[in-house]
Amino acid sequence: MAVSIPEELRAFGITSKEFVEKKRGLAKSAETEVNDNDVIWELFQDLTKKALSYEMLQMLFWNMAIFKDKLGQNSFEYQQKSHKSRLLDLEQKGKTKVKINATGCSASCRKLHNLVLPLEKALQNLPVPNPKCEATLYSANTWCTSIYLVAKESEKESPKLPLAVENVPELPPLVKSINNNASDSGDETAERHSEQTEDNTMGWAIATLTLCLGLGLLFFSPWAGGLLVAWSIPFFPPLMLRLRRSLPFLKHRWERWSLLGIGFLLALLLLLLTQLADREINNSSTKSAIPPYEVLLIEDQSSSTRSRLRV
């Protein structure tokens, strides 16, 4: 059977099916029969927890205030929440000053008419709705019809501002919209892509530099140069990407560069060993260039009286 949903709730897309499901859920937890008005109020509360903007909260709280007033209950708190949501919405839009419009309201409210005040002060004091307002709607309870308008920048702030009300209610936090989440996700993706591009560029640059150094070392030490050339090849990004999938410790940048540094040290060690070995060989060659000899006879043939050298 279709359930009659009040206009204040139907405006937010609540259907009879949702009403029935909510009523069953409340009855199950309470284990007693649940009043329809309690169900309607719970549905309103659920909507406030799902609000994506202060503009939506403003309309929700205003409709909740109307609903309570129709039941003969005091709705002033929800009128306050609606107006506070309005101010926060204006603040988000970059507005800084507001003006009170009390046209058609009670004599008490007309004293506030055309007052210009900083938006921050309006949020702090919340003079509208006016707690001294004598206007009513469906019940005998206060129903203030004064509203906040955006004040022009040229309008001067009123020298005498209304006093703050005793209790300014808190509002529920807004729910992050899907678009905001998508935007955040997009920013994270872009940042991650930027890091990958930077890492990829650095990988190509360092691997190429290592390869060139290795080729240059070939002229001084084939072993050291060959090692550095071979060591540089796995660090080119396409090959490193495959290695990172199979070797988890290569996923971190500092570990990859540490491993490359080890290759440089090994190549340097080989170069030093090669240089030392070449020096030893050169020293040995110099020593063996003149064969050992023994003086057998000294003879000078230019004169019969001079000696002769025979080796």
C-alpha atoms as a PDB file:
ATOM      1  CA  MET A   1       0.000   0.000   0.000  1.00  0.00           C
ATOM      2  CA  ALA A   2       1.345   3.416  -0.991  1.00  0.00           C
ATOM      3  CA  VAL A   3       2.240   5.710   1.866  1.00  0.00           C
ATOM      4  CA  SER A   4       1.543   9.436   1.761  1.00  0.00           C
ATOM      5  CA  ILE A   5       4.908  11.168   2.017  1.00  0.00           C
ATOM      6  CA  PRO A   6       4.781  14.779   3.269  1.00  0.00           C
ATOM      7  CA  GLU A   7       5.680  17.409   0.718  1.00  0.00           C
ATOM      8  CA  GLU A   8       8.653  18.570   2.816  1.00  0.00           C
ATOM      9  CA  LEU A   9      10.216  15.103   2.471  1.00  0.00           C
ATOM     10  CA  ARG A  10       8.987  14.261  -1.028  1.00  0.00           C
ATOM     11  CA  ALA A  11      10.907  17.271  -2.344  1.00  0.00           C
ATOM     12  CA  PHE A  12      14.139  15.369  -1.622  1.00  0.00           C
ATOM     13  CA  GLY A  13      13.150  12.272  -3.596  1.00  0.00           C
ATOM     14  CA  ILE A  14      12.054  10.026  -0.715  1.00  0.00           C
ATOM     15  CA  THR A  15       9.684   7.326  -2.008  1.00  0.00           C
ATOM     16  CA  SER A  16       7.003   5.210  -0.325  1.00  0.00           C
ATOM     17  CA  LYS A  17       9.288   2.184  -0.603  1.00  0.00           C
ATOM     18  CA  GLU A  18      12.068   3.944   1.319  1.00  0.00           C
ATOM     19  CA  PHE A  19       9.536   5.031   3.926  1.00  0.00           C
ATOM     20  CA  VAL A  20       8.291   1.454   4.453  1.00  0.00           C
ATOM     21  CA  GLU A  21      11.836   0.059   4.660  1.00  0.00           C
ATOM     22  CA  LYS A  22      12.812   2.708   7.200  1.00  0.00           C
ATOM     23  CA  LYS A  23       9.721   2.009   9.272  1.00  0.00           C
ATOM     24  CA  ARG A  24      10.451  -1.730   9.329  1.00  0.00           C
ATOM     25  CA  GLY A  25      14.026  -1.078  10.391  1.00  0.00           C
ATOM     26  CA  LEU A  26      12.979   1.228  13.226  1.00  0.00           C
ATOM     27  CA  ALA A  27      10.254  -1.164  14.394  1.00  0.00           C
ATOM     28  CA  LYS A  28      12.737  -4.033  14.424  1.00  0.00           C
ATOM     29  CA  SER A  29      15.233  -2.136  16.579  1.00  0.00           C
ATOM     30  CA  ALA A  30      12.570  -0.675  18.883  1.00  0.00           C
ATOM     31  CA  GLU A  31      10.500  -3.883  18.948  1.00  0.00           C
ATOM     32  CA  THR A  32       7.372  -1.715  19.078  1.00  0.00           C
ATOM     33  CA  GLU A  33       5.065   0.008  16.630  1.00  0.00           C
ATOM     34  CA  VAL A  34       6.685   3.131  15.214  1.00  0.00           C
ATOM     35  CA  ASN A  35       4.778   6.339  14.578  1.00  0.00           C
ATOM     36  CA  ASP A  36       4.845   7.630  10.984  1.00  0.00           C
ATOM     37  CA  ASN A  37       6.043  11.032  12.144  1.00  0.00           C
ATOM     38  CA  ASP A  38       9.041   9.381  13.820  1.00  0.00           C
ATOM     39  CA  VAL A  39       9.850   7.630  10.542  1.00  0.00           C
ATOM     40  CA  ILE A  40       9.616  10.910   8.626  1.00  0.00           C
ATOM     41  CA  TRP A  41      11.915  12.607  11.115  1.00  0.00           C
ATOM     42  CA  GLU A  42      14.484   9.797  10.895  1.00  0.00           C
ATOM     43  CA  LEU A  43      14.448  10.068   7.103  1.00  0.00           C
ATOM     44  CA  PHE A  44      15.102  13.797   7.428  1.00  0.00           C
ATOM     45  CA  GLN A  45      18.011  13.076   9.788  1.00  0.00           C
ATOM     46  CA  ASP A  46      19.452  10.574   7.307  1.00  0.00           C
ATOM     47  CA  LEU A  47      19.318  13.187   4.555  1.00  0.00           C
ATOM     48  CA  THR A  48      21.247  15.715   6.647  1.00  0.00           C
ATOM     49  CA  LYS A  49      24.027  13.157   7.094  1.00  0.00           C
ATOM     50  CA  LYS A  50      24.273  12.754   3.312  1.00  0.00           C
ATOM     51  CA  ALA A  51      24.213  16.454   2.397  1.00  0.00           C
ATOM     52  CA  LEU A  52      26.843  17.443  -0.153  1.00  0.00           C
ATOM     53  CA  SER A  53      26.528  21.220   0.253  1.00  0.00           C
ATOM     54  CA  TYR A  54      25.420  23.896   2.685  1.00  0.00           C
ATOM     55  CA  GLU A  55      22.773  24.912   0.180  1.00  0.00           C
ATOM     56  CA  MET A  56      21.248  21.446   0.502  1.00  0.00           C
ATOM     57  CA  LEU A  57      21.485  21.628   4.300  1.00  0.00           C
ATOM     58  CA  GLN A  58      19.729  24.997   4.237  1.00  0.00           C
ATOM     59  CA  MET A  59      16.728  23.524   2.397  1.00  0.00           C
ATOM     60  CA  LEU A  60      16.680  20.377   4.532  1.00  0.00           C
ATOM     61  CA  PHE A  61      16.661  22.213   7.844  1.00  0.00           C
ATOM     62  CA  TRP A  62      14.037  24.655   6.585  1.00  0.00           C
ATOM     63  CA  ASN A  63      11.732  21.789   5.628  1.00  0.00           C
ATOM     64  CA  MET A  64      12.414  20.086   8.957  1.00  0.00           C
ATOM     65  CA  ALA A  65      11.428  23.326  10.696  1.00  0.00           C
ATOM     66  CA  ILE A  66       8.174  23.469   8.714  1.00  0.00           C
ATOM     67  CA  PHE A  67       7.431  19.836   9.574  1.00  0.00           C
ATOM     68  CA  LYS A  68       7.953  20.452  13.304  1.00  0.00           C
ATOM     69  CA  ASP A  69       5.851  23.614  13.210  1.00  0.00           C
ATOM     70  CA  LYS A  70       3.017  21.685  11.568  1.00  0.00           C
ATOM     71  CA  LEU A  71       3.155  19.252  14.477  1.00  0.00           C
ATOM     72  CA  GLY A  72       2.877  22.168  16.887  1.00  0.00           C
ATOM     73  CA  GLN A  73       6.464  21.757  18.076  1.00  0.00           C
ATOM     74  CA  ASN A  74       9.120  24.424  18.557  1.00  0.00           C
ATOM     75  CA  SER A  75      11.154  24.604  15.340  1.00  0.00           C
ATOM     76  CA  PHE A  76      13.420  27.563  16.206  1.00  0.00           C
ATOM     77  CA  GLU A  77      16.605  25.454  16.388  1.00  0.00           C
ATOM     78  CA  TYR A  78      16.062  24.168  12.845  1.00  0.00           C
ATOM     79  CA  GLN A  79      15.320  27.670  11.591  1.00  0.00           C
ATOM     80  CA  GLN A  80      18.694  28.639  13.060  1.00  0.00           C
ATOM     81  CA  LYS A  81      20.425  25.706  11.371  1.00  0.00           C
ATOM     82  CA  SER A  82      18.883  26.650   8.045  1.00  0.00           C
ATOM     83  CA  HIS A  83      20.061  30.276   8.276  1.00  0.00           C
ATOM     84  CA  LYS A  84      23.520  29.222   9.468  1.00  0.00           C
ATOM     85  CA  SER A  85      23.782  26.888   6.471  1.00  0.00           C
ATOM     86  CA  ARG A  86      22.838  29.838   4.258  1.00  0.00           C
ATOM     87  CA  LEU A  87      25.651  31.942   5.733  1.00  0.00           C
ATOM     88  CA  LEU A  88      28.213  29.148   5.336  1.00  0.00           C
ATOM     89  CA  ASP A  89      27.136  28.709   1.724  1.00  0.00           C
ATOM     90  CA  LEU A  90      27.706  32.428   1.105  1.00  0.00           C
ATOM     91  CA  GLU A  91      31.086  32.199   2.827  1.00  0.00           C
ATOM     92  CA  GLN A  92      32.113  29.354   0.520  1.00  0.00           C
ATOM     93  CA  LYS A  93      31.173  31.547  -2.437  1.00  0.00           C
ATOM     94  CA  GLY A  94      33.517  34.278  -1.261  1.00  0.00           C
ATOM     95  CA  LYS A  95      30.999  36.720   0.197  1.00  0.00           C
ATOM     96  CA  THR A  96      32.122  38.872   3.119  1.00  0.00           C
ATOM     97  CA  LYS A  97      29.113  41.000   4.110  1.00  0.00           C
ATOM     98  CA  VAL A  98      25.395  40.354   4.530  1.00  0.00           C
ATOM     99  CA  LYS A  99      22.308  42.507   5.031  1.00  0.00           C
ATOM    100  CA  ILE A 100      19.215  41.574   7.031  1.00  0.00           C
ATOM    101  CA  ASN A 101      15.881  41.806   5.229  1.00  0.00           C
ATOM    102  CA  ALA A 102      12.939  41.782   7.667  1.00  0.00           C
ATOM    103  CA  THR A 103      10.223  42.823   5.220  1.00  0.00           C
ATOM    104  CA  GLY A 104       6.835  41.410   6.256  1.00  0.00           C
ATOM    105  CA  CYS A 105       8.097  40.133   9.598  1.00  0.00           C
ATOM    106  CA  SER A 106       7.199  41.275  13.128  1.00  0.00           C
ATOM    107  CA  ALA A 107       7.866  44.678  14.691  1.00  0.00           C
ATOM    108  CA  SER A 108      10.780  43.240  16.664  1.00  0.00           C
ATOM    109  CA  CYS A 109      12.442  42.014  13.465  1.00  0.00           C
ATOM    110  CA  ARG A 110      11.879  45.288  11.607  1.00  0.00           C
ATOM    111  CA  LYS A 111      14.378  46.863  14.008  1.00  0.00           C
ATOM    112  CA  LEU A 112      16.998  44.667  12.327  1.00  0.00           C
ATOM    113  CA  HIS A 113      15.879  45.569   8.805  1.00  0.00           C
ATOM    114  CA  ASN A 114      18.710  46.674   6.450  1.00  0.00           C
ATOM    115  CA  LEU A 115      21.429  46.130   9.057  1.00  0.00           C
ATOM    116  CA  VAL A 116      24.734  45.391   7.297  1.00  0.00           C
ATOM    117  CA  LEU A 117      27.226  43.206   9.150  1.00  0.00           C
ATOM    118  CA  PRO A 118      30.340  41.148   8.377  1.00  0.00           C
ATOM    119  CA  LEU A 119      29.472  37.599   7.423  1.00  0.00           C
ATOM    120  CA  GLU A 120      31.843  36.320  10.099  1.00  0.00           C
ATOM    121  CA  LYS A 121      29.947  38.331  12.729  1.00  0.00           C
ATOM    122  CA  ALA A 122      26.623  37.055  11.428  1.00  0.00           C
ATOM    123  CA  LEU A 123      27.853  33.468  11.855  1.00  0.00           C
ATOM    124  CA  GLN A 124      29.042  34.236  15.348  1.00  0.00           C
ATOM    125  CA  ASN A 125      25.948  36.121  16.581  1.00  0.00           C
ATOM    126  CA  LEU A 126      23.253  34.646  14.280  1.00  0.00           C
ATOM    127  CA  PRO A 127      20.732  37.487  14.832  1.00  0.00           C
ATOM    128  CA  VAL A 128      18.352  35.906  12.298  1.00  0.00           C
ATOM    129  CA  PRO A 129      16.134  34.096  13.049  1.00  0.00           C
ATOM    130  CA  ASN A 130      15.225  36.578  15.750  1.00  0.00           C
ATOM    131  CA  PRO A 131      14.383  34.843  19.067  1.00  0.00           C
ATOM    132  CA  LYS A 132      12.100  37.799  19.943  1.00  0.00           C
ATOM    133  CA  CYS A 133      10.115  37.490  16.716  1.00  0.00           C
ATOM    134  CA  GLU A 134       6.326  37.414  17.220  1.00  0.00           C
ATOM    135  CA  ALA A 135       5.503  35.985  13.777  1.00  0.00           C
ATOM    136  CA  THR A 136       3.972  32.508  13.454  1.00  0.00           C
ATOM    137  CA  LEU A 137       3.204  29.989  10.704  1.00  0.00           C
ATOM    138  CA  TYR A 138       1.146  26.842  11.490  1.00  0.00           C
ATOM    139  CA  SER A 139       1.415  26.902  15.276  1.00  0.00           C
ATOM    140  CA  ALA A 140       1.769  29.454  18.044  1.00  0.00           C
ATOM    141  CA  ASN A 141       5.542  28.953  18.053  1.00  0.00           C
ATOM    142  CA  THR A 142       7.965  31.534  16.633  1.00  0.00           C
ATOM    143  CA  TRP A 143       8.386  31.517  12.860  1.00  0.00           C
ATOM    144  CA  CYS A 144      10.809  34.250  11.816  1.00  0.00           C
ATOM    145  CA  THR A 145      10.662  35.180   8.123  1.00  0.00           C
ATOM    146  CA  SER A 146      13.669  37.528   8.171  1.00  0.00           C
ATOM    147  CA  ILE A 147      16.477  36.487   5.847  1.00  0.00           C
ATOM    148  CA  TYR A 148      20.108  37.267   5.016  1.00  0.00           C
ATOM    149  CA  LEU A 149      20.902  38.946   1.696  1.00  0.00           C
ATOM    150  CA  VAL A 150      24.323  39.522   0.157  1.00  0.00           C
ATOM    151  CA  ALA A 151      25.426  43.087   0.885  1.00  0.00           C
ATOM    152  CA  LYS A 152      27.213  45.135  -1.742  1.00  0.00           C
ATOM    153  CA  GLU A 153      30.851  45.961  -1.125  1.00  0.00           C
ATOM    154  CA  SER A 154      29.958  49.654  -1.233  1.00  0.00           C
ATOM    155  CA  GLU A 155      27.459  49.306   1.631  1.00  0.00           C
ATOM    156  CA  LYS A 156      28.877  50.356   4.975  1.00  0.00           C
ATOM    157  CA  GLU A 157      28.642  48.119   8.003  1.00  0.00           C
ATOM    158  CA  SER A 158      26.090  49.191  10.592  1.00  0.00           C
ATOM    159  CA  PRO A 159      27.686  50.839  13.649  1.00  0.00           C
ATOM    160  CA  LYS A 160      25.373  49.100  16.093  1.00  0.00           C
ATOM    161  CA  LEU A 161      25.091  45.356  15.595  1.00  0.00           C
ATOM    162  CA  PRO A 162      22.563  43.029  17.260  1.00  0.00           C
ATOM    163  CA  LEU A 163      23.659  41.006  20.267  1.00  0.00           C
ATOM    164  CA  ALA A 164      24.551  37.350  19.900  1.00  0.00           C
ATOM    165  CA  VAL A 165      21.876  34.761  20.603  1.00  0.00           C
ATOM    166  CA  GLU A 166      22.386  32.427  23.539  1.00  0.00           C
ATOM    167  CA  ASN A 167      22.775  29.185  21.609  1.00  0.00           C
ATOM    168  CA  VAL A 168      24.143  28.833  18.087  1.00  0.00           C
ATOM    169  CA  PRO A 169      23.613  25.203  16.994  1.00  0.00           C
ATOM    170  CA  GLU A 170      26.310  23.108  15.350  1.00  0.00           C
ATOM    171  CA  LEU A 171      25.826  21.650  11.876  1.00  0.00           C
ATOM    172  CA  PRO A 172      26.672  18.122  10.713  1.00  0.00           C
ATOM    173  CA  PRO A 173      29.753  17.815   8.492  1.00  0.00           C
ATOM    174  CA  LEU A 174      29.237  17.756   4.751  1.00  0.00           C
ATOM    175  CA  VAL A 175      29.749  14.548   2.823  1.00  0.00           C
ATOM    176  CA  LYS A 176      32.503  14.700   0.226  1.00  0.00           C
ATOM    177  CA  SER A 177      31.011  14.599  -3.236  1.00  0.00           C
ATOM    178  CA  ILE A 178      31.969  11.985  -5.804  1.00  0.00           C
ATOM    179  CA  ASN A 179      33.393  14.742  -7.977  1.00  0.00           C
ATOM    180  CA  ASN A 180      35.650  15.883  -5.150  1.00  0.00           C
ATOM    181  CA  ASN A 181      36.794  12.319  -4.552  1.00  0.00           C
ATOM    182  CA  ALA A 182      37.373  11.879  -8.268  1.00  0.00           C
ATOM    183  CA  SER A 183      39.300  15.145  -8.324  1.00  0.00           C
ATOM    184  CA  ASP A 184      41.442  14.035  -5.363  1.00  0.00           C
ATOM    185  CA  SER A 185      42.004  10.686  -7.034  1.00  0.00           C
ATOM    186  CA  GLY A 186      42.908  12.471 -10.268  1.00  0.00           C
ATOM    187  CA  ASP A 187      45.404  14.669  -8.444  1.00  0.00           C
ATOM    188  CA  GLU A 188      46.993  11.627  -6.818  1.00  0.00           C
ATOM    189  CA  THR A 189      47.152   9.855 -10.189  1.00  0.00           C
ATOM    190  CA  ALA A 190      48.730  12.899 -11.839  1.00  0.00           C
ATOM    191  CA  GLU A 191      51.261  13.190  -9.022  1.00  0.00           C
ATOM    192  CA  ARG A 192      52.083   9.499  -9.260  1.00  0.00           C
ATOM    193  CA  HIS A 193      52.440   9.769 -13.050  1.00  0.00           C
ATOM    194  CA  SER A 194      54.758  12.759 -12.621  1.00  0.00           C
ATOM    195  CA  GLU A 195      56.935  10.788 -10.190  1.00  0.00           C
ATOM    196  CA  GLN A 196      57.067   7.831 -12.585  1.00  0.00           C
ATOM    197  CA  THR A 197      58.050  10.109 -15.473  1.00  0.00           C
ATOM    198  CA  GLU A 198      60.779  11.715 -13.379  1.00  0.00           C
ATOM    199  CA  ASP A 199      62.028   8.305 -12.241  1.00  0.00           C
ATOM    200  CA  ASN A 200      61.990   7.028 -15.831  1.00  0.00           C
ATOM    201  CA  THR A 201      63.925  10.049 -17.141  1.00  0.00           C
ATOM    202  CA  MET A 202      66.504   9.745 -14.376  1.00  0.00           C
ATOM    203  CA  GLY A 203      66.828   6.022 -15.089  1.00  0.00           C
ATOM    204  CA  TRP A 204      67.602   6.604 -18.768  1.00  0.00           C
ATOM    205  CA  ALA A 205      70.067   9.402 -17.975  1.00  0.00           C
ATOM    206  CA  ILE A 206      72.038   7.484 -15.330  1.00  0.00           C
ATOM    207  CA  ALA A 207      72.078   4.205 -17.258  1.00  0.00           C
ATOM    208  CA  THR A 208      73.281   5.998 -20.419  1.00  0.00           C
ATOM    209  CA  LEU A 209      75.975   7.854 -18.474  1.00  0.00           C
ATOM    210  CA  THR A 210      77.147   4.587 -16.905  1.00  0.00           C
ATOM    211  CA  LEU A 211      77.310   2.942 -20.337  1.00  0.00           C
ATOM    212  CA  CYS A 212      79.365   5.831 -21.756  1.00  0.00           C
ATOM    213  CA  LEU A 213      81.770   5.707 -18.811  1.00  0.00           C
ATOM    214  CA  GLY A 214      82.137   1.973 -19.317  1.00  0.00           C
ATOM    215  CA  LEU A 215      82.955   2.445 -23.004  1.00  0.00           C
ATOM    216  CA  GLY A 216      85.509   5.097 -22.067  1.00  0.00           C
ATOM    217  CA  LEU A 217      87.130   2.791 -19.507  1.00  0.00           C
ATOM    218  CA  LEU A 218      87.663   0.128 -22.172  1.00  0.00           C
ATOM    219  CA  PHE A 219      90.696   2.119 -23.390  1.00  0.00           C
ATOM    220  CA  PHE A 220      92.295   2.003 -19.948  1.00  0.00           C
ATOM    221  CA  SER A 221      91.048  -1.312 -18.602  1.00  0.00           C
ATOM    222  CA  PRO A 222      89.030  -3.719 -20.760  1.00  0.00           C
ATOM    223  CA  TRP A 223      87.960  -5.632 -17.662  1.00  0.00           C
ATOM    224  CA  ALA A 224      86.731  -2.566 -15.771  1.00  0.00           C
ATOM    225  CA  GLY A 225      85.110  -1.061 -18.867  1.00  0.00           C
ATOM    226  CA  GLY A 226      83.422  -4.323 -19.803  1.00  0.00           C
ATOM    227  CA  LEU A 227      82.080  -4.755 -16.277  1.00  0.00           C
ATOM    228  CA  LEU A 228      80.629  -1.224 -16.217  1.00  0.00           C
ATOM    229  CA  VAL A 229      79.044  -1.633 -19.665  1.00  0.00           C
ATOM    230  CA  ALA A 230      77.456  -4.936 -18.646  1.00  0.00           C
ATOM    231  CA  TRP A 231      76.391  -3.504 -15.273  1.00  0.00           C
ATOM    232  CA  SER A 232      74.640  -0.537 -16.902  1.00  0.00           C
ATOM    233  CA  ILE A 233      72.409  -2.592 -19.213  1.00  0.00           C
ATOM    234  CA  PRO A 234      69.892  -3.870 -16.586  1.00  0.00           C
ATOM    235  CA  PHE A 235      69.401  -0.307 -15.328  1.00  0.00           C
ATOM    236  CA  PHE A 236      67.785   0.913 -18.539  1.00  0.00           C
ATOM    237  CA  PRO A 237      64.075   1.468 -17.648  1.00  0.00           C
ATOM    238  CA  PRO A 238      62.507  -1.220 -19.917  1.00  0.00           C
ATOM    239  CA  LEU A 239      64.744  -3.950 -18.459  1.00  0.00           C
ATOM    240  CA  MET A 240      64.590  -2.577 -14.919  1.00  0.00           C
ATOM    241  CA  LEU A 241      60.782  -2.640 -15.077  1.00  0.00           C
ATOM    242  CA  ARG A 242      60.866  -6.397 -15.683  1.00  0.00           C
ATOM    243  CA  LEU A 243      63.454  -6.956 -12.973  1.00  0.00           C
ATOM    244  CA  ARG A 244      61.381  -4.987 -10.457  1.00  0.00           C
ATOM    245  CA  ARG A 245      58.456  -7.340 -11.007  1.00  0.00           C
ATOM    246  CA  SER A 246      60.542 -10.387 -10.144  1.00  0.00           C
ATOM    247  CA  LEU A 247      62.919  -8.850  -7.576  1.00  0.00           C
ATOM    248  CA  PRO A 248      60.947  -6.942  -4.896  1.00  0.00           C
ATOM    249  CA  PHE A 249      64.010  -5.225  -3.400  1.00  0.00           C
ATOM    250  CA  LEU A 250      64.496  -3.279  -6.656  1.00  0.00           C
ATOM    251  CA  LYS A 251      61.158  -1.464  -6.277  1.00  0.00           C
ATOM    252  CA  HIS A 252      62.718   1.315  -4.191  1.00  0.00           C
ATOM    253  CA  ARG A 253      64.753   3.947  -5.987  1.00  0.00           C
ATOM    254  CA  TRP A 254      67.529   4.203  -3.395  1.00  0.00           C
ATOM    255  CA  GLU A 255      68.105   0.441  -3.525  1.00  0.00           C
ATOM    256  CA  ARG A 256      68.490   0.530  -7.309  1.00  0.00           C
ATOM    257  CA  TRP A 257      70.972   3.389  -7.177  1.00  0.00           C
ATOM    258  CA  SER A 258      72.892   1.647  -4.371  1.00  0.00           C
ATOM    259  CA  LEU A 259      73.222  -1.431  -6.553  1.00  0.00           C
ATOM    260  CA  LEU A 260      74.459   0.711  -9.436  1.00  0.00           C
ATOM    261  CA  GLY A 261      76.967   2.314  -7.066  1.00  0.00           C
ATOM    262  CA  ILE A 262      78.323  -1.143  -6.224  1.00  0.00           C
ATOM    263  CA  GLY A 263      78.977  -1.642  -9.946  1.00  0.00           C
ATOM    264  CA  PHE A 264      80.942   1.611 -10.062  1.00  0.00           C
ATOM    265  CA  LEU A 265      83.046   0.523  -7.077  1.00  0.00           C
ATOM    266  CA  LEU A 266      83.764  -2.879  -8.633  1.00  0.00           C
ATOM    267  CA  ALA A 267      84.763  -1.238 -11.926  1.00  0.00           C
ATOM    268  CA  LEU A 268      87.034   1.187 -10.057  1.00  0.00           C
ATOM    269  CA  LEU A 269      88.600  -1.694  -8.143  1.00  0.00           C
ATOM    270  CA  LEU A 270      89.242  -3.585 -11.372  1.00  0.00           C
ATOM    271  CA  LEU A 271      90.746  -0.459 -12.920  1.00  0.00           C
ATOM    272  CA  LEU A 272      93.139  -0.042  -9.989  1.00  0.00           C
ATOM    273  CA  LEU A 273      94.105  -3.712 -10.052  1.00  0.00           C
ATOM    274  CA  THR A 274      94.696  -3.510 -13.794  1.00  0.00           C
ATOM    275  CA  GLN A 275      96.876  -0.422 -13.389  1.00  0.00           C
ATOM    276  CA  LEU A 276      98.910  -2.099 -10.644  1.00  0.00           C
ATOM    277  CA  ALA A 277      99.332  -5.233 -12.727  1.00  0.00           C
ATOM    278  CA  ASP A 278     100.476  -3.191 -15.751  1.00  0.00           C
ATOM    279  CA  ARG A 279     102.980  -1.343 -13.601  1.00  0.00           C
ATOM    280  CA  GLU A 280     104.429  -4.603 -12.297  1.00  0.00           C
ATOM    281  CA  ILE A 281     104.721  -5.942 -15.837  1.00  0.00           C
ATOM    282  CA  ASN A 282     106.477  -2.756 -17.031  1.00  0.00           C
ATOM    283  CA  ASN A 283     108.949  -2.919 -14.165  1.00  0.00           C
ATOM    284  CA  SER A 284     109.729  -6.549 -14.954  1.00  0.00           C
ATOM    285  CA  SER A 285     110.228  -5.768 -18.662  1.00  0.00           C
ATOM    286  CA  THR A 286     112.642  -2.930 -17.877  1.00  0.00           C
ATOM    287  CA  LYS A 287     114.723  -5.128 -15.646  1.00  0.00           C
ATOM    288  CA  SER A 288     114.967  -7.948 -18.219  1.00  0.00           C
ATOM    289  CA  ALA A 289     115.824  -5.686 -21.212  1.00  0.00           C
ATOM    290  CA  ILE A 290     119.637  -6.058 -20.564  1.00  0.00           C
ATOM    291  CA  PRO A 291     120.602  -9.740 -20.214  1.00  0.00           C
ATOM    292  CA  PRO A 292     122.996 -10.685 -17.425  1.00  0.00           C
ATOM    293  CA  TYR A 293     126.626 -10.746 -18.429  1.00  0.00           C
ATOM    294  CA  GLU A 294     130.087 -11.575 -17.024  1.00  0.00           C
ATOM    295  CA  VAL A 295     133.366  -9.860 -17.867  1.00  0.00           C
ATOM    296  CA  LEU A 296     135.730 -12.545 -19.108  1.00  0.00           C
ATOM    297  CA  LEU A 297     138.616 -10.527 -20.560  1.00  0.00           C
ATOM    298  CA  ILE A 298     139.543  -6.859 -20.930  1.00  0.00           C
ATOM    299  CA  GLU A 299     141.690  -6.094 -23.988  1.00  0.00           C
ATOM    300  CA  ASP A 300     142.500  -2.832 -25.841  1.00  0.00           C
ATOM    301  CA  GLN A 301     143.548  -3.693 -29.421  1.00  0.00           C
ATOM    302  CA  SER A 302     144.436  -0.120 -30.408  1.00  0.00           C
ATOM    303  CA  SER A 303     147.720  -0.594 -28.741  1.00  0.00           C
ATOM    304  CA  SER A 304     149.655  -3.597 -27.797  1.00  0.00           C
ATOM    305  CA  THR A 305     150.138  -2.061 -24.407  1.00  0.00           C
ATOM    306  CA  ARG A 306     146.400  -1.486 -23.754  1.00  0.00           C
ATOM    307  CA  SER A 307     144.009  -4.027 -22.247  1.00  0.00           C
ATOM    308  CA  ARG A 308     141.187  -5.928 -24.045  1.00  0.00           C
ATOM    309  CA  LEU A 309     137.601  -6.459 -22.781  1.00  0.00           C
ATOM    310  CA  ARG A 310     135.924  -9.737 -23.722  1.00  0.00           C
ATOM    311  CA  VAL A 311     132.369 -10.478 -22.663  1.00  0.00           C
END
